[in-house]
């Protein structure tokens, strides 16, 4: 009969922990909103995102332009509000 070593037990415990977390991760829905489509200053974008959605997900993303002159917009990523 096979014996379980400490390594086998640790791997089994880790696998069970990961499987238990899957429903929690799946439940977190993310939303996004473009706060300013024509320009972006990173510090201002982060501040606006935090004030509007209480999120640190403000980031500058490419939002058009040409390869020689790209334009950037302020994108805010935040936790979606719970459904009523």
PDB file of N, CA and C in Angstrom:
ATOM      1  N   UNK A   1       0.839  -1.172   0.000  1.00  0.00           N
ATOM      2  CA  UNK A   1       0.000   0.000   0.000  1.00  0.00           C
ATOM      3  C   UNK A   1       0.890   1.244   0.000  1.00  0.00           C
ATOM      4  N   UNK A   2       0.468   2.249  -0.696  1.00  0.00           N
ATOM      5  CA  UNK A   2       1.267   3.469  -0.820  1.00  0.00           C
ATOM      6  C   UNK A   2       1.213   4.268   0.470  1.00  0.00           C
ATOM      7  N   UNK A   3       2.341   4.875   0.791  1.00  0.00           N
ATOM      8  CA  UNK A   3       2.405   5.727   1.981  1.00  0.00           C
ATOM      9  C   UNK A   3       2.356   7.177   1.533  1.00  0.00           C
ATOM     10  N   UNK A   4       1.707   8.015   2.352  1.00  0.00           N
ATOM     11  CA  UNK A   4       1.666   9.450   2.081  1.00  0.00           C
ATOM     12  C   UNK A   4       2.806  10.122   2.817  1.00  0.00           C
ATOM     13  N   UNK A   5       3.619  10.829   2.086  1.00  0.00           N
ATOM     14  CA  UNK A   5       4.692  11.594   2.711  1.00  0.00           C
ATOM     15  C   UNK A   5       4.192  13.005   2.983  1.00  0.00           C
ATOM     16  N   UNK A   6       4.997  13.782   3.641  1.00  0.00           N
ATOM     17  CA  UNK A   6       4.643  15.173   3.930  1.00  0.00           C
ATOM     18  C   UNK A   6       4.484  15.960   2.628  1.00  0.00           C
ATOM     19  N   UNK A   7       5.266  15.630   1.623  1.00  0.00           N
ATOM     20  CA  UNK A   7       5.168  16.311   0.332  1.00  0.00           C
ATOM     21  C   UNK A   7       3.826  16.021  -0.335  1.00  0.00           C
ATOM     22  N   UNK A   8       3.415  14.765  -0.319  1.00  0.00           N
ATOM     23  CA  UNK A   8       2.117  14.413  -0.890  1.00  0.00           C
ATOM     24  C   UNK A   8       0.988  15.157  -0.178  1.00  0.00           C
ATOM     25  N   UNK A   9       1.062  15.206   1.131  1.00  0.00           N
ATOM     26  CA  UNK A   9       0.034  15.899   1.914  1.00  0.00           C
ATOM     27  C   UNK A   9       0.017  17.390   1.583  1.00  0.00           C
ATOM     28  N   UNK A  10       1.188  18.016   1.448  1.00  0.00           N
ATOM     29  CA  UNK A  10       1.264  19.443   1.139  1.00  0.00           C
ATOM     30  C   UNK A  10       0.684  19.734  -0.247  1.00  0.00           C
ATOM     31  N   UNK A  11       0.982  18.894  -1.215  1.00  0.00           N
ATOM     32  CA  UNK A  11       0.451  19.079  -2.569  1.00  0.00           C
ATOM     33  C   UNK A  11      -1.066  18.931  -2.566  1.00  0.00           C
ATOM     34  N   UNK A  12      -1.579  17.950  -1.849  1.00  0.00           N
ATOM     35  CA  UNK A  12      -3.020  17.753  -1.757  1.00  0.00           C
ATOM     36  C   UNK A  12      -3.700  18.950  -1.085  1.00  0.00           C
ATOM     37  N   UNK A  13      -3.106  19.466  -0.018  1.00  0.00           N
ATOM     38  CA  UNK A  13      -3.670  20.625   0.680  1.00  0.00           C
ATOM     39  C   UNK A  13      -3.662  21.857  -0.224  1.00  0.00           C
ATOM     40  N   UNK A  14      -2.589  22.062  -0.967  1.00  0.00           N
ATOM     41  CA  UNK A  14      -2.505  23.196  -1.882  1.00  0.00           C
ATOM     42  C   UNK A  14      -3.553  23.087  -2.989  1.00  0.00           C
ATOM     43  N   UNK A  15      -3.729  21.910  -3.531  1.00  0.00           N
ATOM     44  CA  UNK A  15      -4.726  21.689  -4.574  1.00  0.00           C
ATOM     45  C   UNK A  15      -6.135  21.976  -4.058  1.00  0.00           C
ATOM     46  N   UNK A  16      -6.444  21.519  -2.864  1.00  0.00           N
ATOM     47  CA  UNK A  16      -7.765  21.780  -2.283  1.00  0.00           C
ATOM     48  C   UNK A  16      -7.973  23.268  -2.016  1.00  0.00           C
ATOM     49  N   UNK A  17      -6.931  23.960  -1.587  1.00  0.00           N
ATOM     50  CA  UNK A  17      -7.039  25.399  -1.334  1.00  0.00           C
ATOM     51  C   UNK A  17      -7.318  26.160  -2.626  1.00  0.00           C
ATOM     52  N   UNK A  18      -6.643  25.800  -3.697  1.00  0.00           N
ATOM     53  CA  UNK A  18      -6.857  26.460  -4.990  1.00  0.00           C
ATOM     54  C   UNK A  18      -8.272  26.192  -5.493  1.00  0.00           C
ATOM     55  N   UNK A  19      -8.728  24.965  -5.383  1.00  0.00           N
ATOM     56  CA  UNK A  19     -10.081  24.633  -5.835  1.00  0.00           C
ATOM     57  C   UNK A  19     -11.143  25.368  -5.022  1.00  0.00           C
ATOM     58  N   UNK A  20     -10.885  25.605  -3.759  1.00  0.00           N
ATOM     59  CA  UNK A  20     -11.840  26.330  -2.918  1.00  0.00           C
ATOM     60  C   UNK A  20     -11.909  27.805  -3.296  1.00  0.00           C
ATOM     61  N   UNK A  21     -10.832  28.364  -3.871  1.00  0.00           N
ATOM     62  CA  UNK A  21     -10.796  29.780  -4.225  1.00  0.00           C
ATOM     63  C   UNK A  21     -11.445  30.076  -5.575  1.00  0.00           C
ATOM     64  N   UNK A  22     -11.608  29.107  -6.430  1.00  0.00           N
ATOM     65  CA  UNK A  22     -12.129  29.336  -7.778  1.00  0.00           C
ATOM     66  C   UNK A  22     -13.481  30.041  -7.764  1.00  0.00           C
ATOM     67  N   UNK A  23     -14.468  29.627  -6.965  1.00  0.00           N
ATOM     68  CA  UNK A  23     -15.745  30.358  -6.974  1.00  0.00           C
ATOM     69  C   UNK A  23     -15.604  31.805  -6.502  1.00  0.00           C
ATOM     70  N   UNK A  24     -14.703  32.080  -5.577  1.00  0.00           N
ATOM     71  CA  UNK A  24     -14.515  33.442  -5.092  1.00  0.00           C
ATOM     72  C   UNK A  24     -13.943  34.339  -6.183  1.00  0.00           C
ATOM     73  N   UNK A  25     -12.990  33.829  -6.926  1.00  0.00           N
ATOM     74  CA  UNK A  25     -12.372  34.610  -7.993  1.00  0.00           C
ATOM     75  C   UNK A  25     -13.389  34.864  -9.102  1.00  0.00           C
ATOM     76  N   UNK A  26     -14.185  33.865  -9.425  1.00  0.00           N
ATOM     77  CA  UNK A  26     -15.171  33.999 -10.483  1.00  0.00           C
ATOM     78  C   UNK A  26     -16.253  35.014 -10.120  1.00  0.00           C
ATOM     79  N   UNK A  27     -16.508  35.200  -8.832  1.00  0.00           N
ATOM     80  CA  UNK A  27     -17.573  36.099  -8.390  1.00  0.00           C
ATOM     81  C   UNK A  27     -17.185  37.572  -8.520  1.00  0.00           C
ATOM     82  N   UNK A  28     -15.918  37.878  -8.659  1.00  0.00           N
ATOM     83  CA  UNK A  28     -15.468  39.261  -8.739  1.00  0.00           C
ATOM     84  C   UNK A  28     -15.603  39.761 -10.176  1.00  0.00           C
ATOM     85  N   UNK A  29     -16.588  40.594 -10.414  1.00  0.00           N
ATOM     86  CA  UNK A  29     -16.804  41.148 -11.749  1.00  0.00           C
ATOM     87  C   UNK A  29     -16.153  42.519 -11.829  1.00  0.00           C
ATOM     88  N   UNK A  30     -15.493  42.784 -12.933  1.00  0.00           N
ATOM     89  CA  UNK A  30     -14.804  44.059 -13.132  1.00  0.00           C
ATOM     90  C   UNK A  30     -15.534  44.862 -14.197  1.00  0.00           C
ATOM     91  N   UNK A  31     -15.669  46.147 -13.937  1.00  0.00           N
ATOM     92  CA  UNK A  31     -16.272  47.068 -14.891  1.00  0.00           C
ATOM     93  C   UNK A  31     -15.213  48.083 -15.303  1.00  0.00           C
ATOM     94  N   UNK A  32     -15.469  48.766 -16.388  1.00  0.00           N
ATOM     95  CA  UNK A  32     -14.544  49.809 -16.833  1.00  0.00           C
ATOM     96  C   UNK A  32     -15.327  50.963 -17.434  1.00  0.00           C
ATOM     97  N   UNK A  33     -14.742  52.140 -17.318  1.00  0.00           N
ATOM     98  CA  UNK A  33     -15.348  53.348 -17.867  1.00  0.00           C
ATOM     99  C   UNK A  33     -14.232  54.257 -18.360  1.00  0.00           C
ATOM    100  N   UNK A  34     -14.408  54.806 -19.546  1.00  0.00           N
ATOM    101  CA  UNK A  34     -13.451  55.789 -20.049  1.00  0.00           C
ATOM    102  C   UNK A  34     -13.858  57.141 -19.481  1.00  0.00           C
ATOM    103  N   UNK A  35     -13.002  57.697 -18.628  1.00  0.00           N
ATOM    104  CA  UNK A  35     -13.318  58.960 -17.974  1.00  0.00           C
ATOM    105  C   UNK A  35     -12.990  60.153 -18.855  1.00  0.00           C
ATOM    106  N   UNK A  36     -11.938  60.048 -19.653  1.00  0.00           N
ATOM    107  CA  UNK A  36     -11.560  61.128 -20.565  1.00  0.00           C
ATOM    108  C   UNK A  36     -11.009  60.482 -21.836  1.00  0.00           C
ATOM    109  N   UNK A  37     -11.761  60.504 -22.938  1.00  0.00           N
ATOM    110  CA  UNK A  37     -11.317  59.803 -24.141  1.00  0.00           C
ATOM    111  C   UNK A  37     -10.253  60.530 -24.960  1.00  0.00           C
ATOM    112  N   UNK A  38     -10.006  61.803 -24.679  1.00  0.00           N
ATOM    113  CA  UNK A  38      -9.132  62.576 -25.566  1.00  0.00           C
ATOM    114  C   UNK A  38      -7.743  62.852 -25.018  1.00  0.00           C
ATOM    115  N   UNK A  39      -7.545  62.761 -23.717  1.00  0.00           N
ATOM    116  CA  UNK A  39      -6.212  63.004 -23.163  1.00  0.00           C
ATOM    117  C   UNK A  39      -6.087  62.285 -21.832  1.00  0.00           C
ATOM    118  N   UNK A  40      -4.847  62.138 -21.356  1.00  0.00           N
ATOM    119  CA  UNK A  40      -4.646  61.437 -20.099  1.00  0.00           C
ATOM    120  C   UNK A  40      -3.368  61.899 -19.417  1.00  0.00           C
ATOM    121  N   UNK A  41      -3.520  62.317 -18.182  1.00  0.00           N
ATOM    122  CA  UNK A  41      -2.411  62.545 -17.267  1.00  0.00           C
ATOM    123  C   UNK A  41      -2.576  61.476 -16.192  1.00  0.00           C
ATOM    124  N   UNK A  42      -1.579  60.626 -15.994  1.00  0.00           N
ATOM    125  CA  UNK A  42      -1.735  59.452 -15.142  1.00  0.00           C
ATOM    126  C   UNK A  42      -2.171  59.808 -13.727  1.00  0.00           C
ATOM    127  N   UNK A  43      -1.549  60.800 -13.118  1.00  0.00           N
ATOM    128  CA  UNK A  43      -1.903  61.164 -11.742  1.00  0.00           C
ATOM    129  C   UNK A  43      -3.350  61.646 -11.663  1.00  0.00           C
ATOM    130  N   UNK A  44      -3.754  62.468 -12.617  1.00  0.00           N
ATOM    131  CA  UNK A  44      -5.130  62.975 -12.640  1.00  0.00           C
ATOM    132  C   UNK A  44      -6.118  61.844 -12.905  1.00  0.00           C
ATOM    133  N   UNK A  45      -5.763  60.957 -13.808  1.00  0.00           N
ATOM    134  CA  UNK A  45      -6.624  59.827 -14.141  1.00  0.00           C
ATOM    135  C   UNK A  45      -6.860  58.954 -12.913  1.00  0.00           C
ATOM    136  N   UNK A  46      -5.793  58.640 -12.197  1.00  0.00           N
ATOM    137  CA  UNK A  46      -5.932  57.817 -10.991  1.00  0.00           C
ATOM    138  C   UNK A  46      -6.784  58.513  -9.943  1.00  0.00           C
ATOM    139  N   UNK A  47      -6.601  59.815  -9.798  1.00  0.00           N
ATOM    140  CA  UNK A  47      -7.380  60.578  -8.817  1.00  0.00           C
ATOM    141  C   UNK A  47      -8.867  60.579  -9.187  1.00  0.00           C
ATOM    142  N   UNK A  48      -9.172  60.803 -10.467  1.00  0.00           N
ATOM    143  CA  UNK A  48     -10.569  60.812 -10.910  1.00  0.00           C
ATOM    144  C   UNK A  48     -11.216  59.439 -10.725  1.00  0.00           C
ATOM    145  N   UNK A  49     -10.474  58.398 -11.027  1.00  0.00           N
ATOM    146  CA  UNK A  49     -10.991  57.039 -10.891  1.00  0.00           C
ATOM    147  C   UNK A  49     -11.279  56.723  -9.422  1.00  0.00           C
ATOM    148  N   UNK A  50     -10.380  57.156  -8.547  1.00  0.00           N
ATOM    149  CA  UNK A  50     -10.577  56.907  -7.120  1.00  0.00           C
ATOM    150  C   UNK A  50     -11.787  57.674  -6.602  1.00  0.00           C
ATOM    151  N   UNK A  51     -11.924  58.935  -7.009  1.00  0.00           N
ATOM    152  CA  UNK A  51     -13.046  59.749  -6.533  1.00  0.00           C
ATOM    153  C   UNK A  51     -14.389  59.230  -7.054  1.00  0.00           C
ATOM    154  N   UNK A  52     -14.426  58.795  -8.306  1.00  0.00           N
ATOM    155  CA  UNK A  52     -15.694  58.385  -8.902  1.00  0.00           C
ATOM    156  C   UNK A  52     -16.101  56.967  -8.522  1.00  0.00           C
ATOM    157  N   UNK A  53     -15.117  56.044  -8.468  1.00  0.00           N
ATOM    158  CA  UNK A  53     -15.445  54.632  -8.259  1.00  0.00           C
ATOM    159  C   UNK A  53     -14.706  54.001  -7.081  1.00  0.00           C
ATOM    160  N   UNK A  54     -13.992  54.795  -6.292  1.00  0.00           N
ATOM    161  CA  UNK A  54     -13.229  54.291  -5.147  1.00  0.00           C
ATOM    162  C   UNK A  54     -12.292  53.159  -5.579  1.00  0.00           C
ATOM    163  N   UNK A  55     -11.598  53.383  -6.678  1.00  0.00           N
ATOM    164  CA  UNK A  55     -10.720  52.366  -7.248  1.00  0.00           C
ATOM    165  C   UNK A  55      -9.358  52.967  -7.575  1.00  0.00           C
ATOM    166  N   UNK A  56      -8.331  52.152  -7.453  1.00  0.00           N
ATOM    167  CA  UNK A  56      -6.979  52.562  -7.840  1.00  0.00           C
ATOM    168  C   UNK A  56      -6.661  52.098  -9.261  1.00  0.00           C
ATOM    169  N   UNK A  57      -7.700  51.840 -10.064  1.00  0.00           N
ATOM    170  CA  UNK A  57      -7.518  51.278 -11.398  1.00  0.00           C
ATOM    171  C   UNK A  57      -7.450  52.283 -12.521  1.00  0.00           C
ATOM    172  N   UNK A  58      -7.157  53.553 -12.244  1.00  0.00           N
ATOM    173  CA  UNK A  58      -7.048  54.543 -13.306  1.00  0.00           C
ATOM    174  C   UNK A  58      -5.760  54.362 -14.088  1.00  0.00           C
ATOM    175  N   UNK A  59      -5.871  54.287 -15.417  1.00  0.00           N
ATOM    176  CA  UNK A  59      -4.689  54.086 -16.245  1.00  0.00           C
ATOM    177  C   UNK A  59      -4.870  54.765 -17.596  1.00  0.00           C
ATOM    178  N   UNK A  60      -3.761  55.157 -18.188  1.00  0.00           N
ATOM    179  CA  UNK A  60      -3.776  55.766 -19.515  1.00  0.00           C
ATOM    180  C   UNK A  60      -3.639  54.657 -20.559  1.00  0.00           C
ATOM    181  N   UNK A  61      -4.544  54.658 -21.530  1.00  0.00           N
ATOM    182  CA  UNK A  61      -4.516  53.649 -22.588  1.00  0.00           C
ATOM    183  C   UNK A  61      -4.581  54.335 -23.949  1.00  0.00           C
ATOM    184  N   UNK A  62      -4.016  53.682 -24.957  1.00  0.00           N
ATOM    185  CA  UNK A  62      -4.060  54.217 -26.321  1.00  0.00           C
ATOM    186  C   UNK A  62      -5.512  54.241 -26.772  1.00  0.00           C
ATOM    187  N   UNK A  63      -5.929  55.387 -27.293  1.00  0.00           N
ATOM    188  CA  UNK A  63      -7.327  55.559 -27.676  1.00  0.00           C
ATOM    189  C   UNK A  63      -7.422  56.228 -29.050  1.00  0.00           C
ATOM    190  N   UNK A  64      -6.619  55.757 -29.977  1.00  0.00           N
ATOM    191  CA  UNK A  64      -6.675  56.295 -31.333  1.00  0.00           C
ATOM    192  C   UNK A  64      -5.399  57.013 -31.721  1.00  0.00           C
ATOM    193  N   UNK A  65      -5.524  57.851 -32.725  1.00  0.00           N
ATOM    194  CA  UNK A  65      -4.369  58.569 -33.246  1.00  0.00           C
ATOM    195  C   UNK A  65      -3.719  57.799 -34.371  1.00  0.00           C
ATOM    196  N   UNK A  66      -2.514  58.204 -34.701  1.00  0.00           N
ATOM    197  CA  UNK A  66      -1.739  57.547 -35.746  1.00  0.00           C
ATOM    198  C   UNK A  66      -0.508  56.926 -35.102  1.00  0.00           C
ATOM    199  N   UNK A  67       0.164  56.010 -35.800  1.00  0.00           N
ATOM    200  CA  UNK A  67       1.381  55.438 -35.219  1.00  0.00           C
ATOM    201  C   UNK A  67       2.426  56.498 -34.870  1.00  0.00           C
ATOM    202  N   UNK A  68       2.444  57.588 -35.613  1.00  0.00           N
ATOM    203  CA  UNK A  68       3.410  58.653 -35.333  1.00  0.00           C
ATOM    204  C   UNK A  68       2.977  59.504 -34.144  1.00  0.00           C
ATOM    205  N   UNK A  69       1.673  59.627 -33.932  1.00  0.00           N
ATOM    206  CA  UNK A  69       1.163  60.455 -32.835  1.00  0.00           C
ATOM    207  C   UNK A  69      -0.065  59.783 -32.235  1.00  0.00           C
ATOM    208  N   UNK A  70       0.160  58.993 -31.196  1.00  0.00           N
ATOM    209  CA  UNK A  70      -0.928  58.295 -30.527  1.00  0.00           C
ATOM    210  C   UNK A  70      -1.682  59.236 -29.601  1.00  0.00           C
ATOM    211  N   UNK A  71      -2.966  58.979 -29.419  1.00  0.00           N
ATOM    212  CA  UNK A  71      -3.736  59.704 -28.407  1.00  0.00           C
ATOM    213  C   UNK A  71      -4.076  58.727 -27.287  1.00  0.00           C
ATOM    214  N   UNK A  72      -4.142  59.254 -26.075  1.00  0.00           N
ATOM    215  CA  UNK A  72      -4.396  58.428 -24.904  1.00  0.00           C
ATOM    216  C   UNK A  72      -5.668  58.883 -24.214  1.00  0.00           C
ATOM    217  N   UNK A  73      -6.351  57.941 -23.602  1.00  0.00           N
ATOM    218  CA  UNK A  73      -7.543  58.231 -22.824  1.00  0.00           C
ATOM    219  C   UNK A  73      -7.395  57.660 -21.431  1.00  0.00           C
ATOM    220  N   UNK A  74      -8.192  58.190 -20.507  1.00  0.00           N
ATOM    221  CA  UNK A  74      -8.172  57.734 -19.119  1.00  0.00           C
ATOM    222  C   UNK A  74      -9.204  56.625 -18.948  1.00  0.00           C
ATOM    223  N   UNK A  75      -8.744  55.433 -18.605  1.00  0.00           N
ATOM    224  CA  UNK A  75      -9.612  54.278 -18.401  1.00  0.00           C
ATOM    225  C   UNK A  75      -9.629  53.933 -16.923  1.00  0.00           C
ATOM    226  N   UNK A  76     -10.814  53.800 -16.358  1.00  0.00           N
ATOM    227  CA  UNK A  76     -10.969  53.432 -14.950  1.00  0.00           C
ATOM    228  C   UNK A  76     -11.529  52.018 -14.875  1.00  0.00           C
ATOM    229  N   UNK A  77     -10.830  51.127 -14.191  1.00  0.00           N
ATOM    230  CA  UNK A  77     -11.276  49.754 -13.978  1.00  0.00           C
ATOM    231  C   UNK A  77     -11.635  49.626 -12.504  1.00  0.00           C
ATOM    232  N   UNK A  78     -12.832  49.102 -12.227  1.00  0.00           N
ATOM    233  CA  UNK A  78     -13.326  49.057 -10.850  1.00  0.00           C
ATOM    234  C   UNK A  78     -14.231  47.848 -10.656  1.00  0.00           C
ATOM    235  N   UNK A  79     -14.514  47.520  -9.394  1.00  0.00           N
ATOM    236  CA  UNK A  79     -15.441  46.437  -9.085  1.00  0.00           C
ATOM    237  C   UNK A  79     -16.847  46.870  -9.468  1.00  0.00           C
ATOM    238  N   UNK A  80     -17.546  46.025 -10.212  1.00  0.00           N
ATOM    239  CA  UNK A  80     -18.911  46.356 -10.607  1.00  0.00           C
ATOM    240  C   UNK A  80     -19.793  46.446  -9.368  1.00  0.00           C
ATOM    241  N   UNK A  81     -20.740  47.378  -9.376  1.00  0.00           N
ATOM    242  CA  UNK A  81     -21.668  47.448  -8.250  1.00  0.00           C
ATOM    243  C   UNK A  81     -22.514  46.178  -8.177  1.00  0.00           C
ATOM    244  N   UNK A  82     -22.881  45.804  -6.978  1.00  0.00           N
ATOM    245  CA  UNK A  82     -23.703  44.609  -6.791  1.00  0.00           C
ATOM    246  C   UNK A  82     -25.078  44.829  -7.408  1.00  0.00           C
ATOM    247  N   UNK A  83     -25.608  43.783  -8.014  1.00  0.00           N
ATOM    248  CA  UNK A  83     -26.937  43.877  -8.621  1.00  0.00           C
ATOM    249  C   UNK A  83     -27.984  44.041  -7.526  1.00  0.00           C
ATOM    250  N   UNK A  84     -28.944  44.891  -7.784  1.00  0.00           N
ATOM    251  CA  UNK A  84     -29.975  45.161  -6.774  1.00  0.00           C
ATOM    252  C   UNK A  84     -30.985  44.048  -6.708  1.00  0.00           C
TER     253      UNK A  84
END
